[in-house]
Amino acid sequence: MKLLGGCEEKCCKINKGITTTEEMWRGSEITEDEIGRQIERLKRGKAPGGDGIQNEAWMFGTEGVKERIREAVDGVWKEKDFPRQWREGIIIPIFKKGQKSDVKK
């Protein structure tokens, strides 16, 4: 089924390479270096998520920010479950040009 003009296929490409086996969870902890590398990949000027926090807060935060993120992510990693709020997102379609009825636009 082509949901939202192929969104399903795009989601599969995004998740490609993510391992969901038990080995992924065993004996590993998230490090502040890993958190730092992901923060470096963030882009400026993006809209905040449902929590209202913009990327710049993470990018220009103190080292304590990385430690707090690591603690939160490590807790999720150990529990093998995400908080309900992390499973939610807001999708706002933005019309650019062409037929408004064509969801691929």
PDB file of N, CA and C in Angstrom:
ATOM      1  N   MET A   1       0.845  -1.181   0.000  1.00  0.00           N
ATOM      2  CA  MET A   1       0.000   0.000   0.000  1.00  0.00           C
ATOM      3  C   MET A   1       0.885   1.238   0.000  1.00  0.00           C
ATOM      4  N   LYS A   2       0.557   2.202  -0.814  1.00  0.00           N
ATOM      5  CA  LYS A   2       1.317   3.452  -0.862  1.00  0.00           C
ATOM      6  C   LYS A   2       0.616   4.469   0.028  1.00  0.00           C
ATOM      7  N   LEU A   3       1.024   4.501   1.260  1.00  0.00           N
ATOM      8  CA  LEU A   3       0.457   5.411   2.233  1.00  0.00           C
ATOM      9  C   LEU A   3       1.121   6.775   2.102  1.00  0.00           C
ATOM     10  N   LEU A   4       0.357   7.824   1.981  1.00  0.00           N
ATOM     11  CA  LEU A   4       0.873   9.187   1.862  1.00  0.00           C
ATOM     12  C   LEU A   4       1.942   9.317   0.789  1.00  0.00           C
ATOM     13  N   GLY A   5       1.659   8.771  -0.360  1.00  0.00           N
ATOM     14  CA  GLY A   5       2.563   8.933  -1.489  1.00  0.00           C
ATOM     15  C   GLY A   5       3.906   8.260  -1.302  1.00  0.00           C
ATOM     16  N   GLY A   6       3.942   7.130  -0.627  1.00  0.00           N
ATOM     17  CA  GLY A   6       5.187   6.385  -0.492  1.00  0.00           C
ATOM     18  C   GLY A   6       5.894   6.596   0.835  1.00  0.00           C
ATOM     19  N   CYS A   7       5.219   7.156   1.808  1.00  0.00           N
ATOM     20  CA  CYS A   7       5.837   7.405   3.112  1.00  0.00           C
ATOM     21  C   CYS A   7       6.346   6.107   3.725  1.00  0.00           C
ATOM     22  N   GLU A   8       5.586   5.036   3.536  1.00  0.00           N
ATOM     23  CA  GLU A   8       5.975   3.746   4.102  1.00  0.00           C
ATOM     24  C   GLU A   8       7.346   3.318   3.589  1.00  0.00           C
ATOM     25  N   GLU A   9       7.575   3.487   2.289  1.00  0.00           N
ATOM     26  CA  GLU A   9       8.867   3.118   1.716  1.00  0.00           C
ATOM     27  C   GLU A   9       9.980   4.003   2.263  1.00  0.00           C
ATOM     28  N   LYS A  10       9.705   5.292   2.422  1.00  0.00           N
ATOM     29  CA  LYS A  10      10.713   6.211   2.947  1.00  0.00           C
ATOM     30  C   LYS A  10      11.078   5.852   4.381  1.00  0.00           C
ATOM     31  N   CYS A  11      10.077   5.477   5.166  1.00  0.00           N
ATOM     32  CA  CYS A  11      10.343   5.093   6.551  1.00  0.00           C
ATOM     33  C   CYS A  11      11.224   3.852   6.606  1.00  0.00           C
ATOM     34  N   CYS A  12      10.977   2.925   5.725  1.00  0.00           N
ATOM     35  CA  CYS A  12      11.797   1.715   5.691  1.00  0.00           C
ATOM     36  C   CYS A  12      13.245   2.054   5.365  1.00  0.00           C
ATOM     37  N   LYS A  13      13.475   3.010   4.464  1.00  0.00           N
ATOM     38  CA  LYS A  13      14.841   3.412   4.126  1.00  0.00           C
ATOM     39  C   LYS A  13      15.523   4.062   5.317  1.00  0.00           C
ATOM     40  N   ILE A  14      14.782   4.846   6.075  1.00  0.00           N
ATOM     41  CA  ILE A  14      15.350   5.509   7.248  1.00  0.00           C
ATOM     42  C   ILE A  14      15.785   4.472   8.274  1.00  0.00           C
ATOM     43  N   ASN A  15      14.967   3.452   8.490  1.00  0.00           N
ATOM     44  CA  ASN A  15      15.260   2.449   9.505  1.00  0.00           C
ATOM     45  C   ASN A  15      16.242   1.384   9.040  1.00  0.00           C
ATOM     46  N   LYS A  16      16.655   1.437   7.783  1.00  0.00           N
ATOM     47  CA  LYS A  16      17.569   0.435   7.250  1.00  0.00           C
ATOM     48  C   LYS A  16      18.868   0.440   8.052  1.00  0.00           C
ATOM     49  N   GLY A  17      19.311  -0.722   8.435  1.00  0.00           N
ATOM     50  CA  GLY A  17      20.572  -0.829   9.155  1.00  0.00           C
ATOM     51  C   GLY A  17      20.418  -0.791  10.663  1.00  0.00           C
ATOM     52  N   ILE A  18      19.225  -0.541  11.163  1.00  0.00           N
ATOM     53  CA  ILE A  18      19.024  -0.544  12.608  1.00  0.00           C
ATOM     54  C   ILE A  18      18.758  -1.979  13.047  1.00  0.00           C
ATOM     55  N   THR A  19      19.568  -2.454  13.963  1.00  0.00           N
ATOM     56  CA  THR A  19      19.435  -3.822  14.452  1.00  0.00           C
ATOM     57  C   THR A  19      18.465  -3.839  15.620  1.00  0.00           C
ATOM     58  N   THR A  20      17.568  -4.801  15.616  1.00  0.00           N
ATOM     59  CA  THR A  20      16.617  -4.900  16.716  1.00  0.00           C
ATOM     60  C   THR A  20      16.797  -6.203  17.483  1.00  0.00           C
ATOM     61  N   THR A  21      17.942  -6.818  17.360  1.00  0.00           N
ATOM     62  CA  THR A  21      18.176  -8.082  18.041  1.00  0.00           C
ATOM     63  C   THR A  21      18.587  -7.857  19.482  1.00  0.00           C
ATOM     64  N   GLU A  22      18.531  -8.896  20.248  1.00  0.00           N
ATOM     65  CA  GLU A  22      18.916  -8.846  21.657  1.00  0.00           C
ATOM     66  C   GLU A  22      20.375  -8.434  21.822  1.00  0.00           C
ATOM     67  N   GLU A  23      21.227  -8.781  20.852  1.00  0.00           N
ATOM     68  CA  GLU A  23      22.647  -8.426  20.954  1.00  0.00           C
ATOM     69  C   GLU A  23      22.847  -6.923  21.016  1.00  0.00           C
ATOM     70  N   MET A  24      21.968  -6.190  20.380  1.00  0.00           N
ATOM     71  CA  MET A  24      22.081  -4.741  20.381  1.00  0.00           C
ATOM     72  C   MET A  24      21.988  -4.191  21.805  1.00  0.00           C
ATOM     73  N   TRP A  25      21.198  -4.842  22.642  1.00  0.00           N
ATOM     74  CA  TRP A  25      20.945  -4.339  23.984  1.00  0.00           C
ATOM     75  C   TRP A  25      21.977  -4.821  25.003  1.00  0.00           C
ATOM     76  N   ARG A  26      22.597  -5.951  24.745  1.00  0.00           N
ATOM     77  CA  ARG A  26      23.431  -6.592  25.750  1.00  0.00           C
ATOM     78  C   ARG A  26      24.751  -5.877  25.995  1.00  0.00           C
ATOM     79  N   GLY A  27      25.044  -5.582  27.259  1.00  0.00           N
ATOM     80  CA  GLY A  27      26.351  -5.123  27.684  1.00  0.00           C
ATOM     81  C   GLY A  27      26.848  -3.836  27.062  1.00  0.00           C
ATOM     82  N   SER A  28      25.968  -2.969  26.670  1.00  0.00           N
ATOM     83  CA  SER A  28      26.453  -1.726  26.079  1.00  0.00           C
ATOM     84  C   SER A  28      25.770  -0.544  26.746  1.00  0.00           C
ATOM     85  N   GLU A  29      26.521   0.516  26.884  1.00  0.00           N
ATOM     86  CA  GLU A  29      25.977   1.753  27.418  1.00  0.00           C
ATOM     87  C   GLU A  29      26.254   2.869  26.426  1.00  0.00           C
ATOM     88  N   ILE A  30      25.390   3.823  26.406  1.00  0.00           N
ATOM     89  CA  ILE A  30      25.577   4.989  25.554  1.00  0.00           C
ATOM     90  C   ILE A  30      26.647   5.869  26.198  1.00  0.00           C
ATOM     91  N   THR A  31      27.554   6.395  25.407  1.00  0.00           N
ATOM     92  CA  THR A  31      28.601   7.265  25.941  1.00  0.00           C
ATOM     93  C   THR A  31      28.301   8.726  25.601  1.00  0.00           C
ATOM     94  N   GLU A  32      28.927   9.626  26.349  1.00  0.00           N
ATOM     95  CA  GLU A  32      28.769  11.047  26.057  1.00  0.00           C
ATOM     96  C   GLU A  32      29.354  11.379  24.691  1.00  0.00           C
ATOM     97  N   ASP A  33      30.385  10.650  24.271  1.00  0.00           N
ATOM     98  CA  ASP A  33      30.951  10.867  22.934  1.00  0.00           C
ATOM     99  C   ASP A  33      29.919  10.564  21.854  1.00  0.00           C
ATOM    100  N   GLU A  34      29.172   9.459  22.040  1.00  0.00           N
ATOM    101  CA  GLU A  34      28.130   9.112  21.067  1.00  0.00           C
ATOM    102  C   GLU A  34      27.052  10.193  21.033  1.00  0.00           C
ATOM    103  N   ILE A  35      26.676  10.669  22.202  1.00  0.00           N
ATOM    104  CA  ILE A  35      25.685  11.746  22.280  1.00  0.00           C
ATOM    105  C   ILE A  35      26.226  12.989  21.575  1.00  0.00           C
ATOM    106  N   GLY A  36      27.481  13.318  21.847  1.00  0.00           N
ATOM    107  CA  GLY A  36      28.104  14.492  21.231  1.00  0.00           C
ATOM    108  C   GLY A  36      28.137  14.409  19.716  1.00  0.00           C
ATOM    109  N   ARG A  37      28.438  13.213  19.188  1.00  0.00           N
ATOM    110  CA  ARG A  37      28.476  13.043  17.727  1.00  0.00           C
ATOM    111  C   ARG A  37      27.097  13.267  17.116  1.00  0.00           C
ATOM    112  N   GLN A  38      26.063  12.805  17.794  1.00  0.00           N
ATOM    113  CA  GLN A  38      24.708  12.995  17.268  1.00  0.00           C
ATOM    114  C   GLN A  38      24.283  14.462  17.363  1.00  0.00           C
ATOM    115  N   ILE A  39      24.681  15.128  18.433  1.00  0.00           N
ATOM    116  CA  ILE A  39      24.366  16.555  18.568  1.00  0.00           C
ATOM    117  C   ILE A  39      25.035  17.344  17.452  1.00  0.00           C
ATOM    118  N   GLU A  40      26.260  16.970  17.100  1.00  0.00           N
ATOM    119  CA  GLU A  40      26.984  17.658  16.021  1.00  0.00           C
ATOM    120  C   GLU A  40      26.271  17.533  14.676  1.00  0.00           C
ATOM    121  N   ARG A  41      25.478  16.488  14.504  1.00  0.00           N
ATOM    122  CA  ARG A  41      24.762  16.270  13.244  1.00  0.00           C
ATOM    123  C   ARG A  41      23.474  17.090  13.145  1.00  0.00           C
ATOM    124  N   LEU A  42      23.029  17.682  14.256  1.00  0.00           N
ATOM    125  CA  LEU A  42      21.802  18.474  14.245  1.00  0.00           C
ATOM    126  C   LEU A  42      21.970  19.714  13.375  1.00  0.00           C
ATOM    127  N   LYS A  43      20.865  20.163  12.811  1.00  0.00           N
ATOM    128  CA  LYS A  43      20.872  21.357  11.963  1.00  0.00           C
ATOM    129  C   LYS A  43      20.233  22.515  12.720  1.00  0.00           C
ATOM    130  N   ARG A  44      20.758  23.697  12.478  1.00  0.00           N
ATOM    131  CA  ARG A  44      20.212  24.908  13.100  1.00  0.00           C
ATOM    132  C   ARG A  44      18.942  25.351  12.383  1.00  0.00           C
ATOM    133  N   GLY A  45      18.102  26.076  13.126  1.00  0.00           N
ATOM    134  CA  GLY A  45      16.934  26.704  12.523  1.00  0.00           C
ATOM    135  C   GLY A  45      15.767  25.777  12.247  1.00  0.00           C
ATOM    136  N   LYS A  46      15.783  24.577  12.777  1.00  0.00           N
ATOM    137  CA  LYS A  46      14.669  23.651  12.572  1.00  0.00           C
ATOM    138  C   LYS A  46      13.591  23.899  13.621  1.00  0.00           C
ATOM    139  N   ALA A  47      12.362  23.590  13.277  1.00  0.00           N
ATOM    140  CA  ALA A  47      11.250  23.751  14.212  1.00  0.00           C
ATOM    141  C   ALA A  47      11.409  22.766  15.369  1.00  0.00           C
ATOM    142  N   PRO A  48      11.044  23.188  16.572  1.00  0.00           N
ATOM    143  CA  PRO A  48      11.139  22.274  17.712  1.00  0.00           C
ATOM    144  C   PRO A  48      10.084  21.181  17.635  1.00  0.00           C
ATOM    145  N   GLY A  49      10.307  20.124  18.377  1.00  0.00           N
ATOM    146  CA  GLY A  49       9.332  19.043  18.459  1.00  0.00           C
ATOM    147  C   GLY A  49       8.244  19.397  19.454  1.00  0.00           C
ATOM    148  N   GLY A  50       7.493  18.399  19.860  1.00  0.00           N
ATOM    149  CA  GLY A  50       6.395  18.593  20.797  1.00  0.00           C
ATOM    150  C   GLY A  50       6.839  19.112  22.149  1.00  0.00           C
ATOM    151  N   ASP A  51       8.116  18.893  22.491  1.00  0.00           N
ATOM    152  CA  ASP A  51       8.634  19.368  23.772  1.00  0.00           C
ATOM    153  C   ASP A  51       9.012  20.847  23.738  1.00  0.00           C
ATOM    154  N   GLY A  52       9.013  21.441  22.541  1.00  0.00           N
ATOM    155  CA  GLY A  52       9.337  22.857  22.403  1.00  0.00           C
ATOM    156  C   GLY A  52      10.825  23.173  22.444  1.00  0.00           C
ATOM    157  N   ILE A  53      11.671  22.155  22.513  1.00  0.00           N
ATOM    158  CA  ILE A  53      13.115  22.368  22.601  1.00  0.00           C
ATOM    159  C   ILE A  53      13.715  22.403  21.200  1.00  0.00           C
ATOM    160  N   GLN A  54      14.415  23.471  20.888  1.00  0.00           N
ATOM    161  CA  GLN A  54      15.052  23.600  19.582  1.00  0.00           C
ATOM    162  C   GLN A  54      16.430  22.945  19.602  1.00  0.00           C
ATOM    163  N   ASN A  55      16.915  22.561  18.429  1.00  0.00           N
ATOM    164  CA  ASN A  55      18.225  21.919  18.310  1.00  0.00           C
ATOM    165  C   ASN A  55      19.335  22.750  18.938  1.00  0.00           C
ATOM    166  N   GLU A  56      19.235  24.064  18.835  1.00  0.00           N
ATOM    167  CA  GLU A  56      20.278  24.937  19.372  1.00  0.00           C
ATOM    168  C   GLU A  56      20.472  24.750  20.875  1.00  0.00           C
ATOM    169  N   ALA A  57      19.415  24.366  21.589  1.00  0.00           N
ATOM    170  CA  ALA A  57      19.548  24.123  23.028  1.00  0.00           C
ATOM    171  C   ALA A  57      20.529  22.988  23.291  1.00  0.00           C
ATOM    172  N   TRP A  58      20.485  21.963  22.465  1.00  0.00           N
ATOM    173  CA  TRP A  58      21.414  20.834  22.610  1.00  0.00           C
ATOM    174  C   TRP A  58      22.795  21.218  22.088  1.00  0.00           C
ATOM    175  N   MET A  59      22.814  21.944  20.982  1.00  0.00           N
ATOM    176  CA  MET A  59      24.077  22.292  20.331  1.00  0.00           C
ATOM    177  C   MET A  59      24.938  23.219  21.187  1.00  0.00           C
ATOM    178  N   PHE A  60      24.302  24.154  21.876  1.00  0.00           N
ATOM    179  CA  PHE A  60      25.060  25.150  22.629  1.00  0.00           C
ATOM    180  C   PHE A  60      24.937  24.955  24.138  1.00  0.00           C
ATOM    181  N   GLY A  61      24.415  23.808  24.544  1.00  0.00           N
ATOM    182  CA  GLY A  61      24.301  23.507  25.964  1.00  0.00           C
ATOM    183  C   GLY A  61      25.661  23.163  26.562  1.00  0.00           C
ATOM    184  N   THR A  62      25.709  23.117  27.868  1.00  0.00           N
ATOM    185  CA  THR A  62      26.956  22.783  28.555  1.00  0.00           C
ATOM    186  C   THR A  62      27.202  21.281  28.488  1.00  0.00           C
ATOM    187  N   GLU A  63      28.349  20.863  28.989  1.00  0.00           N
ATOM    188  CA  GLU A  63      28.656  19.428  29.041  1.00  0.00           C
ATOM    189  C   GLU A  63      27.630  18.690  29.899  1.00  0.00           C
ATOM    190  N   GLY A  64      27.045  19.388  30.861  1.00  0.00           N
ATOM    191  CA  GLY A  64      26.014  18.774  31.698  1.00  0.00           C
ATOM    192  C   GLY A  64      24.806  18.323  30.890  1.00  0.00           C
ATOM    193  N   VAL A  65      24.531  19.011  29.791  1.00  0.00           N
ATOM    194  CA  VAL A  65      23.416  18.639  28.917  1.00  0.00           C
ATOM    195  C   VAL A  65      23.669  17.253  28.335  1.00  0.00           C
ATOM    196  N   LYS A  66      24.880  17.026  27.858  1.00  0.00           N
ATOM    197  CA  LYS A  66      25.224  15.711  27.287  1.00  0.00           C
ATOM    198  C   LYS A  66      25.063  14.610  28.329  1.00  0.00           C
ATOM    199  N   GLU A  67      25.484  14.893  29.560  1.00  0.00           N
ATOM    200  CA  GLU A  67      25.377  13.894  30.627  1.00  0.00           C
ATOM    201  C   GLU A  67      23.918  13.574  30.910  1.00  0.00           C
ATOM    202  N   ARG A  68      23.060  14.581  30.952  1.00  0.00           N
ATOM    203  CA  ARG A  68      21.627  14.352  31.204  1.00  0.00           C
ATOM    204  C   ARG A  68      20.985  13.559  30.060  1.00  0.00           C
ATOM    205  N   ILE A  69      21.348  13.900  28.840  1.00  0.00           N
ATOM    206  CA  ILE A  69      20.822  13.150  27.694  1.00  0.00           C
ATOM    207  C   ILE A  69      21.291  11.706  27.777  1.00  0.00           C
ATOM    208  N   ARG A  70      22.569  11.513  28.094  1.00  0.00           N
ATOM    209  CA  ARG A  70      23.120  10.162  28.198  1.00  0.00           C
ATOM    210  C   ARG A  70      22.373   9.360  29.264  1.00  0.00           C
ATOM    211  N   GLU A  71      22.103   9.976  30.406  1.00  0.00           N
ATOM    212  CA  GLU A  71      21.372   9.291  31.472  1.00  0.00           C
ATOM    213  C   GLU A  71      19.979   8.876  31.000  1.00  0.00           C
ATOM    214  N   ALA A  72      19.286   9.782  30.318  1.00  0.00           N
ATOM    215  CA  ALA A  72      17.933   9.478  29.830  1.00  0.00           C
ATOM    216  C   ALA A  72      17.960   8.365  28.793  1.00  0.00           C
ATOM    217  N   VAL A  73      18.860   8.483  27.819  1.00  0.00           N
ATOM    218  CA  VAL A  73      18.932   7.484  26.749  1.00  0.00           C
ATOM    219  C   VAL A  73      19.405   6.145  27.299  1.00  0.00           C
ATOM    220  N   ASP A  74      20.357   6.179  28.221  1.00  0.00           N
ATOM    221  CA  ASP A  74      20.854   4.939  28.814  1.00  0.00           C
ATOM    222  C   ASP A  74      19.748   4.234  29.597  1.00  0.00           C
ATOM    223  N   GLY A  75      18.909   5.013  30.284  1.00  0.00           N
ATOM    224  CA  GLY A  75      17.777   4.423  30.999  1.00  0.00           C
ATOM    225  C   GLY A  75      16.813   3.734  30.052  1.00  0.00           C
ATOM    226  N   VAL A  76      16.534   4.368  28.929  1.00  0.00           N
ATOM    227  CA  VAL A  76      15.662   3.771  27.907  1.00  0.00           C
ATOM    228  C   VAL A  76      16.318   2.520  27.349  1.00  0.00           C
ATOM    229  N   TRP A  77      17.622   2.604  27.084  1.00  0.00           N
ATOM    230  CA  TRP A  77      18.389   1.482  26.529  1.00  0.00           C
ATOM    231  C   TRP A  77      18.295   0.271  27.448  1.00  0.00           C
ATOM    232  N   LYS A  78      18.466   0.499  28.754  1.00  0.00           N
ATOM    233  CA  LYS A  78      18.439  -0.603  29.726  1.00  0.00           C
ATOM    234  C   LYS A  78      17.039  -1.173  29.892  1.00  0.00           C
ATOM    235  N   GLU A  79      16.028  -0.312  29.861  1.00  0.00           N
ATOM    236  CA  GLU A  79      14.643  -0.759  30.023  1.00  0.00           C
ATOM    237  C   GLU A  79      14.076  -1.374  28.749  1.00  0.00           C
ATOM    238  N   LYS A  80      14.718  -1.106  27.614  1.00  0.00           N
ATOM    239  CA  LYS A  80      14.273  -1.607  26.306  1.00  0.00           C
ATOM    240  C   LYS A  80      12.871  -1.117  25.947  1.00  0.00           C
ATOM    241  N   ASP A  81      12.553   0.083  26.376  1.00  0.00           N
ATOM    242  CA  ASP A  81      11.242   0.643  26.078  1.00  0.00           C
ATOM    243  C   ASP A  81      11.362   2.165  26.036  1.00  0.00           C
ATOM    244  N   PHE A  82      10.605   2.791  25.149  1.00  0.00           N
ATOM    245  CA  PHE A  82      10.619   4.242  25.007  1.00  0.00           C
ATOM    246  C   PHE A  82       9.464   4.848  25.786  1.00  0.00           C
ATOM    247  N   PRO A  83       9.677   6.023  26.378  1.00  0.00           N
ATOM    248  CA  PRO A  83       8.551   6.728  26.996  1.00  0.00           C
ATOM    249  C   PRO A  83       7.501   7.056  25.936  1.00  0.00           C
ATOM    250  N   ARG A  84       6.267   7.112  26.351  1.00  0.00           N
ATOM    251  CA  ARG A  84       5.164   7.373  25.427  1.00  0.00           C
ATOM    252  C   ARG A  84       5.395   8.659  24.637  1.00  0.00           C
ATOM    253  N   GLN A  85       5.906   9.696  25.294  1.00  0.00           N
ATOM    254  CA  GLN A  85       6.114  10.984  24.626  1.00  0.00           C
ATOM    255  C   GLN A  85       7.118  10.871  23.484  1.00  0.00           C
ATOM    256  N   TRP A  86       8.057   9.951  23.553  1.00  0.00           N
ATOM    257  CA  TRP A  86       9.069   9.786  22.509  1.00  0.00           C
ATOM    258  C   TRP A  86       8.487   9.112  21.276  1.00  0.00           C
ATOM    259  N   ARG A  87       7.314   8.527  21.410  1.00  0.00           N
ATOM    260  CA  ARG A  87       6.688   7.820  20.291  1.00  0.00           C
ATOM    261  C   ARG A  87       5.762   8.726  19.490  1.00  0.00           C
ATOM    262  N   GLU A  88       5.581   9.934  19.968  1.00  0.00           N
ATOM    263  CA  GLU A  88       4.651  10.849  19.320  1.00  0.00           C
ATOM    264  C   GLU A  88       5.403  11.855  18.468  1.00  0.00           C
ATOM    265  N   GLY A  89       4.765  12.306  17.433  1.00  0.00           N
ATOM    266  CA  GLY A  89       5.358  13.323  16.578  1.00  0.00           C
ATOM    267  C   GLY A  89       4.263  14.130  15.907  1.00  0.00           C
ATOM    268  N   ILE A  90       4.650  15.249  15.381  1.00  0.00           N
ATOM    269  CA  ILE A  90       3.713  16.113  14.670  1.00  0.00           C
ATOM    270  C   ILE A  90       4.170  16.194  13.223  1.00  0.00           C
ATOM    271  N   ILE A  91       3.279  15.863  12.317  1.00  0.00           N
ATOM    272  CA  ILE A  91       3.578  15.955  10.888  1.00  0.00           C
ATOM    273  C   ILE A  91       2.671  17.026  10.301  1.00  0.00           C
ATOM    274  N   ILE A  92       3.285  18.026   9.721  1.00  0.00           N
ATOM    275  CA  ILE A  92       2.525  19.107   9.097  1.00  0.00           C
ATOM    276  C   ILE A  92       2.879  19.132   7.620  1.00  0.00           C
ATOM    277  N   PRO A  93       1.940  18.730   6.755  1.00  0.00           N
ATOM    278  CA  PRO A  93       2.226  18.775   5.324  1.00  0.00           C
ATOM    279  C   PRO A  93       2.322  20.223   4.843  1.00  0.00           C
ATOM    280  N   ILE A  94       3.302  20.489   4.008  1.00  0.00           N
ATOM    281  CA  ILE A  94       3.497  21.830   3.465  1.00  0.00           C
ATOM    282  C   ILE A  94       3.323  21.757   1.951  1.00  0.00           C
ATOM    283  N   PHE A  95       2.299  22.437   1.459  1.00  0.00           N
ATOM    284  CA  PHE A  95       2.040  22.450   0.025  1.00  0.00           C
ATOM    285  C   PHE A  95       3.075  23.318  -0.663  1.00  0.00           C
ATOM    286  N   LYS A  96       3.665  22.825  -1.736  1.00  0.00           N
ATOM    287  CA  LYS A  96       4.671  23.592  -2.470  1.00  0.00           C
ATOM    288  C   LYS A  96       4.124  24.061  -3.813  1.00  0.00           C
ATOM    289  N   LYS A  97       3.776  23.161  -4.696  1.00  0.00           N
ATOM    290  CA  LYS A  97       3.201  23.535  -5.988  1.00  0.00           C
ATOM    291  C   LYS A  97       2.549  22.308  -6.606  1.00  0.00           C
ATOM    292  N   GLY A  98       1.821  22.513  -7.686  1.00  0.00           N
ATOM    293  CA  GLY A  98       1.139  21.407  -8.350  1.00  0.00           C
ATOM    294  C   GLY A  98      -0.267  21.222  -7.819  1.00  0.00           C
ATOM    295  N   GLN A  99      -0.803  20.030  -8.023  1.00  0.00           N
ATOM    296  CA  GLN A  99      -2.158  19.712  -7.592  1.00  0.00           C
ATOM    297  C   GLN A  99      -2.186  19.457  -6.085  1.00  0.00           C
ATOM    298  N   LYS A 100      -3.033  20.166  -5.372  1.00  0.00           N
ATOM    299  CA  LYS A 100      -3.145  19.962  -3.928  1.00  0.00           C
ATOM    300  C   LYS A 100      -3.639  18.560  -3.594  1.00  0.00           C
ATOM    301  N   SER A 101      -4.352  17.945  -4.522  1.00  0.00           N
ATOM    302  CA  SER A 101      -4.876  16.603  -4.281  1.00  0.00           C
ATOM    303  C   SER A 101      -3.806  15.525  -4.457  1.00  0.00           C
ATOM    304  N   ASP A 102      -2.650  15.872  -5.023  1.00  0.00           N
ATOM    305  CA  ASP A 102      -1.560  14.916  -5.236  1.00  0.00           C
ATOM    306  C   ASP A 102      -0.687  14.886  -3.982  1.00  0.00           C
ATOM    307  N   VAL A 103      -0.840  13.834  -3.161  1.00  0.00           N
ATOM    308  CA  VAL A 103      -0.125  13.763  -1.884  1.00  0.00           C
ATOM    309  C   VAL A 103       1.381  13.596  -2.049  1.00  0.00           C
ATOM    310  N   LYS A 104       1.834  13.301  -3.256  1.00  0.00           N
ATOM    311  CA  LYS A 104       3.275  13.165  -3.494  1.00  0.00           C
ATOM    312  C   LYS A 104       3.976  14.517  -3.513  1.00  0.00           C
ATOM    313  N   LYS A 105       3.226  15.584  -3.657  1.00  0.00           N
ATOM    314  CA  LYS A 105       3.821  16.929  -3.745  1.00  0.00           C
ATOM    315  C   LYS A 105       4.138  17.383  -2.371  1.00  0.00           C
TER     316      LYS A 105
END
